[in-house]
Amino acid sequence: MIKNRLTALIFRGASFLLCLAGILDTAGAFKGRFSFSVLLFYTVMSNILILVLFGALLCLTARDMRRNGIKGPACYRPRVVFVCMIDILLTFGVYWVMLAPQAFTMGEPASLLAFSNLTVHAVVPLLCAADLFLFAPAGHIRLKDLAFSLVFPLFYVALATVLGFSGYVFFETDAGPVHFPYFFLDYHSRGGMVAVYILALIAVFMALGLLFYGLDRLRVKKSNGKEEH
């Protein structure tokens, strides 16, 4: 655990800017054609969640550094950070396991290396995880936090379902308009398999949360072992 507020301020400031740049680039802001529909994809919505998180952490760090100086802890609401981390890591896992392979089958592997793609699907999720493990002490995560981490993804599933069946068009293809943001949420083409995909993702989600909960428990044991010596 790093107990230096200046380090935390720099890390969180850089993370906030990278997150903001990734969102804007994904939405086409740097190309002069901002797309609001892009904001309705889970990837971008989860990145906006982390943008708000980093913004809040940045403000709290600056406040404490002004009041109490550079040296000292910069940990704030670690359980909230944990929940947000699991939510954004879903973006990381689903994209690189389920969606990225399509770039190869469609002959567009170079798109994986685009700044916007790497930022929202890899850099920001890893930065969020790094923030928790760099600045938060071990032992704050609770098993019930795994249930809280499901709130945002399930809200998104409900939102995407309502939008899809209401006729909203997420994007156009040669085959026509697409009313659902991801193939595994497309009730029109997948039917009942969508429920299977959702349950599988929830299972993966819980496994991911348990993995990080276990890592936190290991950090506690390691910390206790050092204290005994």
Foldseek 3Di string as FASTA:
>chain_A
DAFFLVVLLVLLVVLLVLLVVLLCVQQVVVVPRGHPLSCLDLLNVLSVVVNVVSVVLNVQSVVCCVVPNGGGASDDPLLVLLLSLLSQVLLQVCCVPPPLVVCVVVVNNVVCVDSSNCSSRPVNSVSSVCSSVVGPAFDPYDLCSLVVSVVVVVVSLVVQVVQLVVPHFSDADPVGTQSGDDPLSRCVPCPPSNVVVVVVSSVVSSVVSVVVNVVSVVSVVVVVVVVVD
